[in-house]
């Protein structure tokens, strides 16, 4: 299992609408296309939304992302996600077994 730690800086004043968009559309659609969302957090002081999504292995990330981003559900959201996000950081992380 491999995961992506995703840190989004959300535009000021938009966290509430981002969380609704994430809860109602982004998370369920990720899971529908085989990309489980493991956790999510908010760092209110930094207006950050932090979440983790997982994949069976690193080799399938590209194909799973392509499937998700070209899905009718994602296309229907148009630029709604981008309107909320000021900055995106993505880090690949692996379990340590500890």
PDB file of N, CA and C in Angstrom:
ATOM      1  N   UNK A   1       0.851  -1.177   0.000  1.00  0.00           N
ATOM      2  CA  UNK A   1       0.000   0.000   0.000  1.00  0.00           C
ATOM      3  C   UNK A   1       0.894   1.237   0.000  1.00  0.00           C
ATOM      4  N   UNK A   2       0.486   2.209  -0.800  1.00  0.00           N
ATOM      5  CA  UNK A   2       1.186   3.485  -0.867  1.00  0.00           C
ATOM      6  C   UNK A   2       0.136   4.585  -0.754  1.00  0.00           C
ATOM      7  N   UNK A   3       0.510   5.693  -0.163  1.00  0.00           N
ATOM      8  CA  UNK A   3      -0.462   6.768   0.046  1.00  0.00           C
ATOM      9  C   UNK A   3       0.078   8.097  -0.438  1.00  0.00           C
ATOM     10  N   UNK A   4      -0.858   8.985  -0.677  1.00  0.00           N
ATOM     11  CA  UNK A   4      -0.526  10.375  -0.967  1.00  0.00           C
ATOM     12  C   UNK A   4      -1.025  11.217   0.193  1.00  0.00           C
ATOM     13  N   UNK A   5      -0.125  11.975   0.770  1.00  0.00           N
ATOM     14  CA  UNK A   5      -0.484  12.988   1.747  1.00  0.00           C
ATOM     15  C   UNK A   5      -0.688  14.257   0.940  1.00  0.00           C
ATOM     16  N   UNK A   6      -1.900  14.783   0.962  1.00  0.00           N
ATOM     17  CA  UNK A   6      -2.246  15.944   0.139  1.00  0.00           C
ATOM     18  C   UNK A   6      -2.569  17.111   1.060  1.00  0.00           C
ATOM     19  N   UNK A   7      -1.870  18.218   0.875  1.00  0.00           N
ATOM     20  CA  UNK A   7      -2.054  19.406   1.702  1.00  0.00           C
ATOM     21  C   UNK A   7      -2.522  20.531   0.787  1.00  0.00           C
ATOM     22  N   UNK A   8      -3.737  20.974   1.004  1.00  0.00           N
ATOM     23  CA  UNK A   8      -4.312  22.044   0.205  1.00  0.00           C
ATOM     24  C   UNK A   8      -4.452  23.283   1.084  1.00  0.00           C
ATOM     25  N   UNK A   9      -3.932  24.393   0.621  1.00  0.00           N
ATOM     26  CA  UNK A   9      -4.217  25.670   1.261  1.00  0.00           C
ATOM     27  C   UNK A   9      -5.496  26.178   0.613  1.00  0.00           C
ATOM     28  N   UNK A  10      -6.519  26.326   1.433  1.00  0.00           N
ATOM     29  CA  UNK A  10      -7.837  26.738   0.944  1.00  0.00           C
ATOM     30  C   UNK A  10      -7.946  28.261   1.043  1.00  0.00           C
ATOM     31  N   UNK A  11      -8.505  28.861   0.020  1.00  0.00           N
ATOM     32  CA  UNK A  11      -8.690  30.309   0.024  1.00  0.00           C
ATOM     33  C   UNK A  11      -9.480  30.739   1.257  1.00  0.00           C
ATOM     34  N   UNK A  12      -9.065  31.840   1.850  1.00  0.00           N
ATOM     35  CA  UNK A  12      -9.720  32.351   3.066  1.00  0.00           C
ATOM     36  C   UNK A  12     -11.226  32.505   2.838  1.00  0.00           C
ATOM     37  N   UNK A  13     -11.970  32.051   3.854  1.00  0.00           N
ATOM     38  CA  UNK A  13     -13.424  32.164   3.808  1.00  0.00           C
ATOM     39  C   UNK A  13     -14.112  31.067   3.020  1.00  0.00           C
ATOM     40  N   UNK A  14     -13.334  30.120   2.480  1.00  0.00           N
ATOM     41  CA  UNK A  14     -13.930  29.076   1.637  1.00  0.00           C
ATOM     42  C   UNK A  14     -13.843  27.670   2.238  1.00  0.00           C
ATOM     43  N   UNK A  15     -13.337  27.548   3.474  1.00  0.00           N
ATOM     44  CA  UNK A  15     -13.162  26.210   4.058  1.00  0.00           C
ATOM     45  C   UNK A  15     -14.490  25.483   4.197  1.00  0.00           C
ATOM     46  N   UNK A  16     -15.514  26.158   4.656  1.00  0.00           N
ATOM     47  CA  UNK A  16     -16.813  25.504   4.849  1.00  0.00           C
ATOM     48  C   UNK A  16     -17.358  24.956   3.526  1.00  0.00           C
ATOM     49  N   UNK A  17     -17.299  25.757   2.476  1.00  0.00           N
ATOM     50  CA  UNK A  17     -17.810  25.275   1.186  1.00  0.00           C
ATOM     51  C   UNK A  17     -16.891  24.195   0.605  1.00  0.00           C
ATOM     52  N   UNK A  18     -15.579  24.267   0.884  1.00  0.00           N
ATOM     53  CA  UNK A  18     -14.658  23.214   0.440  1.00  0.00           C
ATOM     54  C   UNK A  18     -15.008  21.886   1.107  1.00  0.00           C
ATOM     55  N   UNK A  19     -15.217  21.923   2.422  1.00  0.00           N
ATOM     56  CA  UNK A  19     -15.535  20.685   3.147  1.00  0.00           C
ATOM     57  C   UNK A  19     -16.828  20.077   2.613  1.00  0.00           C
ATOM     58  N   UNK A  20     -17.816  20.895   2.324  1.00  0.00           N
ATOM     59  CA  UNK A  20     -19.068  20.381   1.751  1.00  0.00           C
ATOM     60  C   UNK A  20     -18.812  19.753   0.382  1.00  0.00           C
ATOM     61  N   UNK A  21     -18.054  20.418  -0.468  1.00  0.00           N
ATOM     62  CA  UNK A  21     -17.721  19.869  -1.785  1.00  0.00           C
ATOM     63  C   UNK A  21     -16.958  18.555  -1.641  1.00  0.00           C
ATOM     64  N   UNK A  22     -16.010  18.524  -0.730  1.00  0.00           N
ATOM     65  CA  UNK A  22     -15.215  17.313  -0.496  1.00  0.00           C
ATOM     66  C   UNK A  22     -16.101  16.171  -0.005  1.00  0.00           C
ATOM     67  N   UNK A  23     -16.929  16.452   0.988  1.00  0.00           N
ATOM     68  CA  UNK A  23     -17.800  15.430   1.586  1.00  0.00           C
ATOM     69  C   UNK A  23     -18.840  14.911   0.596  1.00  0.00           C
ATOM     70  N   UNK A  24     -19.455  15.822  -0.148  1.00  0.00           N
ATOM     71  CA  UNK A  24     -20.565  15.446  -1.028  1.00  0.00           C
ATOM     72  C   UNK A  24     -20.127  14.905  -2.379  1.00  0.00           C
ATOM     73  N   UNK A  25     -18.965  15.326  -2.867  1.00  0.00           N
ATOM     74  CA  UNK A  25     -18.580  14.960  -4.230  1.00  0.00           C
ATOM     75  C   UNK A  25     -17.186  14.336  -4.347  1.00  0.00           C
ATOM     76  N   UNK A  26     -16.191  15.020  -3.840  1.00  0.00           N
ATOM     77  CA  UNK A  26     -14.816  14.572  -4.082  1.00  0.00           C
ATOM     78  C   UNK A  26     -14.536  13.223  -3.444  1.00  0.00           C
ATOM     79  N   UNK A  27     -14.794  13.077  -2.150  1.00  0.00           N
ATOM     80  CA  UNK A  27     -14.514  11.812  -1.461  1.00  0.00           C
ATOM     81  C   UNK A  27     -15.320  10.651  -2.045  1.00  0.00           C
ATOM     82  N   UNK A  28     -16.648  10.772  -2.183  1.00  0.00           N
ATOM     83  CA  UNK A  28     -17.387   9.624  -2.725  1.00  0.00           C
ATOM     84  C   UNK A  28     -16.957   9.242  -4.139  1.00  0.00           C
ATOM     85  N   UNK A  29     -16.605  10.231  -4.948  1.00  0.00           N
ATOM     86  CA  UNK A  29     -16.192   9.911  -6.315  1.00  0.00           C
ATOM     87  C   UNK A  29     -14.804   9.286  -6.359  1.00  0.00           C
ATOM     88  N   UNK A  30     -13.913   9.713  -5.492  1.00  0.00           N
ATOM     89  CA  UNK A  30     -12.618   9.035  -5.396  1.00  0.00           C
ATOM     90  C   UNK A  30     -12.846   7.559  -5.066  1.00  0.00           C
ATOM     91  N   UNK A  31     -13.660   7.332  -4.057  1.00  0.00           N
ATOM     92  CA  UNK A  31     -13.894   5.957  -3.615  1.00  0.00           C
ATOM     93  C   UNK A  31     -14.608   5.137  -4.683  1.00  0.00           C
ATOM     94  N   UNK A  32     -15.512   5.755  -5.426  1.00  0.00           N
ATOM     95  CA  UNK A  32     -16.201   5.061  -6.513  1.00  0.00           C
ATOM     96  C   UNK A  32     -15.204   4.562  -7.559  1.00  0.00           C
ATOM     97  N   UNK A  33     -14.142   5.326  -7.784  1.00  0.00           N
ATOM     98  CA  UNK A  33     -13.140   4.957  -8.784  1.00  0.00           C
ATOM     99  C   UNK A  33     -11.918   4.274  -8.185  1.00  0.00           C
ATOM    100  N   UNK A  34     -12.088   3.697  -6.999  1.00  0.00           N
ATOM    101  CA  UNK A  34     -11.057   2.849  -6.416  1.00  0.00           C
ATOM    102  C   UNK A  34      -9.888   3.583  -5.781  1.00  0.00           C
ATOM    103  N   UNK A  35     -10.121   4.816  -5.320  1.00  0.00           N
ATOM    104  CA  UNK A  35      -9.077   5.573  -4.622  1.00  0.00           C
ATOM    105  C   UNK A  35      -9.619   5.898  -3.219  1.00  0.00           C
ATOM    106  N   UNK A  36      -9.384   5.017  -2.251  1.00  0.00           N
ATOM    107  CA  UNK A  36      -9.915   5.257  -0.913  1.00  0.00           C
ATOM    108  C   UNK A  36      -9.313   6.507  -0.264  1.00  0.00           C
ATOM    109  N   UNK A  37     -10.178   7.297   0.357  1.00  0.00           N
ATOM    110  CA  UNK A  37      -9.739   8.433   1.162  1.00  0.00           C
ATOM    111  C   UNK A  37      -9.674   7.929   2.599  1.00  0.00           C
ATOM    112  N   UNK A  38      -8.464   7.875   3.127  1.00  0.00           N
ATOM    113  CA  UNK A  38      -8.244   7.272   4.441  1.00  0.00           C
ATOM    114  C   UNK A  38      -8.549   8.230   5.588  1.00  0.00           C
ATOM    115  N   UNK A  39      -8.087   9.472   5.484  1.00  0.00           N
ATOM    116  CA  UNK A  39      -8.230  10.443   6.566  1.00  0.00           C
ATOM    117  C   UNK A  39      -8.322  11.843   5.978  1.00  0.00           C
ATOM    118  N   UNK A  40      -8.874  12.759   6.770  1.00  0.00           N
ATOM    119  CA  UNK A  40      -8.817  14.176   6.413  1.00  0.00           C
ATOM    120  C   UNK A  40      -8.820  15.000   7.691  1.00  0.00           C
ATOM    121  N   UNK A  41      -8.130  16.142   7.632  1.00  0.00           N
ATOM    122  CA  UNK A  41      -8.011  17.053   8.764  1.00  0.00           C
ATOM    123  C   UNK A  41      -8.050  18.480   8.262  1.00  0.00           C
ATOM    124  N   UNK A  42      -8.312  19.397   9.192  1.00  0.00           N
ATOM    125  CA  UNK A  42      -8.242  20.829   8.906  1.00  0.00           C
ATOM    126  C   UNK A  42      -7.251  21.458   9.877  1.00  0.00           C
ATOM    127  N   UNK A  43      -6.337  22.254   9.328  1.00  0.00           N
ATOM    128  CA  UNK A  43      -5.450  23.101  10.117  1.00  0.00           C
ATOM    129  C   UNK A  43      -5.983  24.517   9.931  1.00  0.00           C
ATOM    130  N   UNK A  44      -6.876  24.913  10.816  1.00  0.00           N
ATOM    131  CA  UNK A  44      -7.578  26.197  10.664  1.00  0.00           C
ATOM    132  C   UNK A  44      -6.632  27.388  10.660  1.00  0.00           C
ATOM    133  N   UNK A  45      -5.581  27.343  11.488  1.00  0.00           N
ATOM    134  CA  UNK A  45      -4.644  28.473  11.558  1.00  0.00           C
ATOM    135  C   UNK A  45      -3.991  28.763  10.218  1.00  0.00           C
ATOM    136  N   UNK A  46      -3.765  27.741   9.421  1.00  0.00           N
ATOM    137  CA  UNK A  46      -3.089  27.894   8.132  1.00  0.00           C
ATOM    138  C   UNK A  46      -4.054  27.759   6.951  1.00  0.00           C
ATOM    139  N   UNK A  47      -5.337  27.661   7.234  1.00  0.00           N
ATOM    140  CA  UNK A  47      -6.373  27.392   6.226  1.00  0.00           C
ATOM    141  C   UNK A  47      -5.991  26.215   5.329  1.00  0.00           C
ATOM    142  N   UNK A  48      -5.498  25.152   5.983  1.00  0.00           N
ATOM    143  CA  UNK A  48      -5.088  23.957   5.246  1.00  0.00           C
ATOM    144  C   UNK A  48      -6.102  22.832   5.420  1.00  0.00           C
ATOM    145  N   UNK A  49      -6.336  22.132   4.340  1.00  0.00           N
ATOM    146  CA  UNK A  49      -7.112  20.902   4.351  1.00  0.00           C
ATOM    147  C   UNK A  49      -6.131  19.801   3.991  1.00  0.00           C
ATOM    148  N   UNK A  50      -5.967  18.843   4.883  1.00  0.00           N
ATOM    149  CA  UNK A  50      -4.961  17.797   4.723  1.00  0.00           C
ATOM    150  C   UNK A  50      -5.697  16.466   4.637  1.00  0.00           C
ATOM    151  N   UNK A  51      -5.331  15.680   3.633  1.00  0.00           N
ATOM    152  CA  UNK A  51      -6.002  14.396   3.492  1.00  0.00           C
ATOM    153  C   UNK A  51      -5.058  13.360   2.922  1.00  0.00           C
ATOM    154  N   UNK A  52      -5.444  12.101   3.110  1.00  0.00           N
ATOM    155  CA  UNK A  52      -4.644  10.973   2.656  1.00  0.00           C
ATOM    156  C   UNK A  52      -5.520  10.080   1.800  1.00  0.00           C
ATOM    157  N   UNK A  53      -5.017   9.751   0.621  1.00  0.00           N
ATOM    158  CA  UNK A  53      -5.688   8.759  -0.216  1.00  0.00           C
ATOM    159  C   UNK A  53      -4.675   7.667  -0.539  1.00  0.00           C
ATOM    160  N   UNK A  54      -5.171   6.445  -0.729  1.00  0.00           N
ATOM    161  CA  UNK A  54      -4.276   5.299  -0.852  1.00  0.00           C
ATOM    162  C   UNK A  54      -4.471   4.539  -2.155  1.00  0.00           C
ATOM    163  N   UNK A  55      -3.407   3.845  -2.518  1.00  0.00           N
ATOM    164  CA  UNK A  55      -3.363   3.020  -3.733  1.00  0.00           C
ATOM    165  C   UNK A  55      -2.672   1.699  -3.383  1.00  0.00           C
ATOM    166  N   UNK A  56      -2.973   0.666  -4.154  1.00  0.00           N
ATOM    167  CA  UNK A  56      -2.333  -0.626  -3.922  1.00  0.00           C
ATOM    168  C   UNK A  56      -0.822  -0.551  -4.123  1.00  0.00           C
ATOM    169  N   UNK A  57      -0.401   0.211  -5.138  1.00  0.00           N
ATOM    170  CA  UNK A  57       1.031   0.385  -5.394  1.00  0.00           C
ATOM    171  C   UNK A  57       1.244   1.643  -6.235  1.00  0.00           C
ATOM    172  N   UNK A  58       2.474   2.065  -6.319  1.00  0.00           N
ATOM    173  CA  UNK A  58       2.799   3.324  -7.005  1.00  0.00           C
ATOM    174  C   UNK A  58       2.503   3.265  -8.506  1.00  0.00           C
ATOM    175  N   UNK A  59       2.564   2.068  -9.068  1.00  0.00           N
ATOM    176  CA  UNK A  59       2.381   1.921 -10.517  1.00  0.00           C
ATOM    177  C   UNK A  59       0.968   2.218 -11.000  1.00  0.00           C
ATOM    178  N   UNK A  60      -0.012   2.161 -10.120  1.00  0.00           N
ATOM    179  CA  UNK A  60      -1.398   2.384 -10.565  1.00  0.00           C
ATOM    180  C   UNK A  60      -1.890   3.813 -10.333  1.00  0.00           C
ATOM    181  N   UNK A  61      -1.088   4.644  -9.694  1.00  0.00           N
ATOM    182  CA  UNK A  61      -1.533   6.002  -9.385  1.00  0.00           C
ATOM    183  C   UNK A  61      -1.950   6.742 -10.650  1.00  0.00           C
ATOM    184  N   UNK A  62      -1.111   6.731 -11.657  1.00  0.00           N
ATOM    185  CA  UNK A  62      -1.395   7.485 -12.876  1.00  0.00           C
ATOM    186  C   UNK A  62      -2.696   7.027 -13.538  1.00  0.00           C
ATOM    187  N   UNK A  63      -2.902   5.721 -13.655  1.00  0.00           N
ATOM    188  CA  UNK A  63      -4.112   5.237 -14.321  1.00  0.00           C
ATOM    189  C   UNK A  63      -5.365   5.502 -13.485  1.00  0.00           C
ATOM    190  N   UNK A  64      -5.269   5.368 -12.171  1.00  0.00           N
ATOM    191  CA  UNK A  64      -6.414   5.651 -11.301  1.00  0.00           C
ATOM    192  C   UNK A  64      -6.771   7.133 -11.340  1.00  0.00           C
ATOM    193  N   UNK A  65      -5.756   8.006 -11.329  1.00  0.00           N
ATOM    194  CA  UNK A  65      -6.018   9.441 -11.415  1.00  0.00           C
ATOM    195  C   UNK A  65      -6.657   9.799 -12.756  1.00  0.00           C
ATOM    196  N   UNK A  66      -6.167   9.210 -13.825  1.00  0.00           N
ATOM    197  CA  UNK A  66      -6.728   9.482 -15.149  1.00  0.00           C
ATOM    198  C   UNK A  66      -8.198   9.061 -15.195  1.00  0.00           C
ATOM    199  N   UNK A  67      -8.485   7.891 -14.643  1.00  0.00           N
ATOM    200  CA  UNK A  67      -9.866   7.401 -14.613  1.00  0.00           C
ATOM    201  C   UNK A  67     -10.757   8.358 -13.804  1.00  0.00           C
ATOM    202  N   UNK A  68     -10.281   8.789 -12.651  1.00  0.00           N
ATOM    203  CA  UNK A  68     -11.057   9.702 -11.811  1.00  0.00           C
ATOM    204  C   UNK A  68     -11.262  11.055 -12.499  1.00  0.00           C
ATOM    205  N   UNK A  69     -10.172  11.670 -12.962  1.00  0.00           N
ATOM    206  CA  UNK A  69     -10.277  13.025 -13.534  1.00  0.00           C
ATOM    207  C   UNK A  69     -11.071  13.071 -14.840  1.00  0.00           C
ATOM    208  N   UNK A  70     -11.197  11.949 -15.531  1.00  0.00           N
ATOM    209  CA  UNK A  70     -11.984  11.931 -16.766  1.00  0.00           C
ATOM    210  C   UNK A  70     -13.408  11.401 -16.548  1.00  0.00           C
ATOM    211  N   UNK A  71     -13.754  11.110 -15.300  1.00  0.00           N
ATOM    212  CA  UNK A  71     -15.080  10.565 -15.002  1.00  0.00           C
ATOM    213  C   UNK A  71     -16.164  11.642 -15.172  1.00  0.00           C
ATOM    214  N   UNK A  72     -17.381  11.224 -15.471  1.00  0.00           N
ATOM    215  CA  UNK A  72     -18.484  12.189 -15.606  1.00  0.00           C
ATOM    216  C   UNK A  72     -18.702  12.989 -14.320  1.00  0.00           C
ATOM    217  N   UNK A  73     -18.518  12.337 -13.181  1.00  0.00           N
ATOM    218  CA  UNK A  73     -18.727  13.007 -11.900  1.00  0.00           C
ATOM    219  C   UNK A  73     -17.705  14.135 -11.692  1.00  0.00           C
ATOM    220  N   UNK A  74     -16.445  13.857 -12.026  1.00  0.00           N
ATOM    221  CA  UNK A  74     -15.405  14.877 -11.849  1.00  0.00           C
ATOM    222  C   UNK A  74     -15.578  16.001 -12.868  1.00  0.00           C
ATOM    223  N   UNK A  75     -15.901  15.642 -14.094  1.00  0.00           N
ATOM    224  CA  UNK A  75     -16.117  16.651 -15.125  1.00  0.00           C
ATOM    225  C   UNK A  75     -17.291  17.562 -14.772  1.00  0.00           C
ATOM    226  N   UNK A  76     -18.308  17.020 -14.108  1.00  0.00           N
ATOM    227  CA  UNK A  76     -19.470  17.816 -13.713  1.00  0.00           C
ATOM    228  C   UNK A  76     -19.114  18.873 -12.664  1.00  0.00           C
ATOM    229  N   UNK A  77     -18.052  18.633 -11.901  1.00  0.00           N
ATOM    230  CA  UNK A  77     -17.618  19.623 -10.904  1.00  0.00           C
ATOM    231  C   UNK A  77     -16.908  20.811 -11.554  1.00  0.00           C
ATOM    232  N   UNK A  78     -16.503  20.650 -12.795  1.00  0.00           N
ATOM    233  CA  UNK A  78     -15.804  21.711 -13.539  1.00  0.00           C
ATOM    234  C   UNK A  78     -14.653  22.266 -12.712  1.00  0.00           C
ATOM    235  N   UNK A  79     -14.610  23.578 -12.519  1.00  0.00           N
ATOM    236  CA  UNK A  79     -13.491  24.188 -11.802  1.00  0.00           C
ATOM    237  C   UNK A  79     -13.807  24.488 -10.339  1.00  0.00           C
ATOM    238  N   UNK A  80     -14.865  23.888  -9.796  1.00  0.00           N
ATOM    239  CA  UNK A  80     -15.210  24.131  -8.393  1.00  0.00           C
ATOM    240  C   UNK A  80     -14.048  23.846  -7.444  1.00  0.00           C
ATOM    241  N   UNK A  81     -13.368  22.691  -7.566  1.00  0.00           N
ATOM    242  CA  UNK A  81     -12.251  22.462  -6.645  1.00  0.00           C
ATOM    243  C   UNK A  81     -11.155  23.526  -6.769  1.00  0.00           C
ATOM    244  N   UNK A  82     -10.771  23.858  -7.984  1.00  0.00           N
ATOM    245  CA  UNK A  82      -9.691  24.823  -8.193  1.00  0.00           C
ATOM    246  C   UNK A  82     -10.033  26.201  -7.632  1.00  0.00           C
ATOM    247  N   UNK A  83     -11.293  26.577  -7.641  1.00  0.00           N
ATOM    248  CA  UNK A  83     -11.702  27.880  -7.105  1.00  0.00           C
ATOM    249  C   UNK A  83     -11.459  27.985  -5.606  1.00  0.00           C
ATOM    250  N   UNK A  84     -11.421  26.839  -4.939  1.00  0.00           N
ATOM    251  CA  UNK A  84     -11.209  26.814  -3.489  1.00  0.00           C
ATOM    252  C   UNK A  84      -9.732  26.773  -3.102  1.00  0.00           C
ATOM    253  N   UNK A  85      -8.904  26.242  -3.963  1.00  0.00           N
ATOM    254  CA  UNK A  85      -7.529  25.894  -3.585  1.00  0.00           C
ATOM    255  C   UNK A  85      -6.538  26.951  -4.045  1.00  0.00           C
ATOM    256  N   UNK A  86      -5.774  27.481  -3.084  1.00  0.00           N
ATOM    257  CA  UNK A  86      -4.721  28.452  -3.387  1.00  0.00           C
ATOM    258  C   UNK A  86      -3.397  27.757  -3.672  1.00  0.00           C
ATOM    259  N   UNK A  87      -3.161  26.621  -3.012  1.00  0.00           N
ATOM    260  CA  UNK A  87      -1.875  25.914  -3.147  1.00  0.00           C
ATOM    261  C   UNK A  87      -2.095  24.437  -2.873  1.00  0.00           C
ATOM    262  N   UNK A  88      -1.380  23.599  -3.614  1.00  0.00           N
ATOM    263  CA  UNK A  88      -1.465  22.148  -3.444  1.00  0.00           C
ATOM    264  C   UNK A  88      -0.072  21.568  -3.240  1.00  0.00           C
ATOM    265  N   UNK A  89       0.054  20.709  -2.249  1.00  0.00           N
ATOM    266  CA  UNK A  89       1.280  19.936  -2.035  1.00  0.00           C
ATOM    267  C   UNK A  89       0.886  18.467  -1.979  1.00  0.00           C
ATOM    268  N   UNK A  90       1.623  17.619  -2.679  1.00  0.00           N
ATOM    269  CA  UNK A  90       1.346  16.187  -2.668  1.00  0.00           C
ATOM    270  C   UNK A  90       2.647  15.462  -2.358  1.00  0.00           C
ATOM    271  N   UNK A  91       2.586  14.573  -1.376  1.00  0.00           N
ATOM    272  CA  UNK A  91       3.757  13.787  -0.991  1.00  0.00           C
ATOM    273  C   UNK A  91       3.388  12.317  -0.986  1.00  0.00           C
ATOM    274  N   UNK A  92       4.231  11.506  -1.602  1.00  0.00           N
ATOM    275  CA  UNK A  92       4.057  10.057  -1.580  1.00  0.00           C
ATOM    276  C   UNK A  92       4.655   9.547  -0.270  1.00  0.00           C
ATOM    277  N   UNK A  93       3.876   8.767   0.485  1.00  0.00           N
ATOM    278  CA  UNK A  93       4.349   8.205   1.748  1.00  0.00           C
ATOM    279  C   UNK A  93       4.058   6.714   1.783  1.00  0.00           C
ATOM    280  N   UNK A  94       4.928   5.997   2.476  1.00  0.00           N
ATOM    281  CA  UNK A  94       4.785   4.550   2.625  1.00  0.00           C
ATOM    282  C   UNK A  94       4.789   4.200   4.094  1.00  0.00           C
ATOM    283  N   UNK A  95       4.069   3.125   4.459  1.00  0.00           N
ATOM    284  CA  UNK A  95       4.072   2.709   5.868  1.00  0.00           C
ATOM    285  C   UNK A  95       5.453   2.198   6.292  1.00  0.00           C
ATOM    286  N   UNK A  96       5.774   2.420   7.548  1.00  0.00           N
ATOM    287  CA  UNK A  96       7.069   1.969   8.059  1.00  0.00           C
ATOM    288  C   UNK A  96       6.999   0.568   8.651  1.00  0.00           C
ATOM    289  N   UNK A  97       5.787   0.124   8.981  1.00  0.00           N
ATOM    290  CA  UNK A  97       5.642  -1.177   9.613  1.00  0.00           C
ATOM    291  C   UNK A  97       5.873  -1.120  11.105  1.00  0.00           C
ATOM    292  N   UNK A  98       6.045   0.075  11.634  1.00  0.00           N
ATOM    293  CA  UNK A  98       6.284   0.232  13.081  1.00  0.00           C
ATOM    294  C   UNK A  98       4.965   0.348  13.810  1.00  0.00           C
TER     295      UNK A  98
END
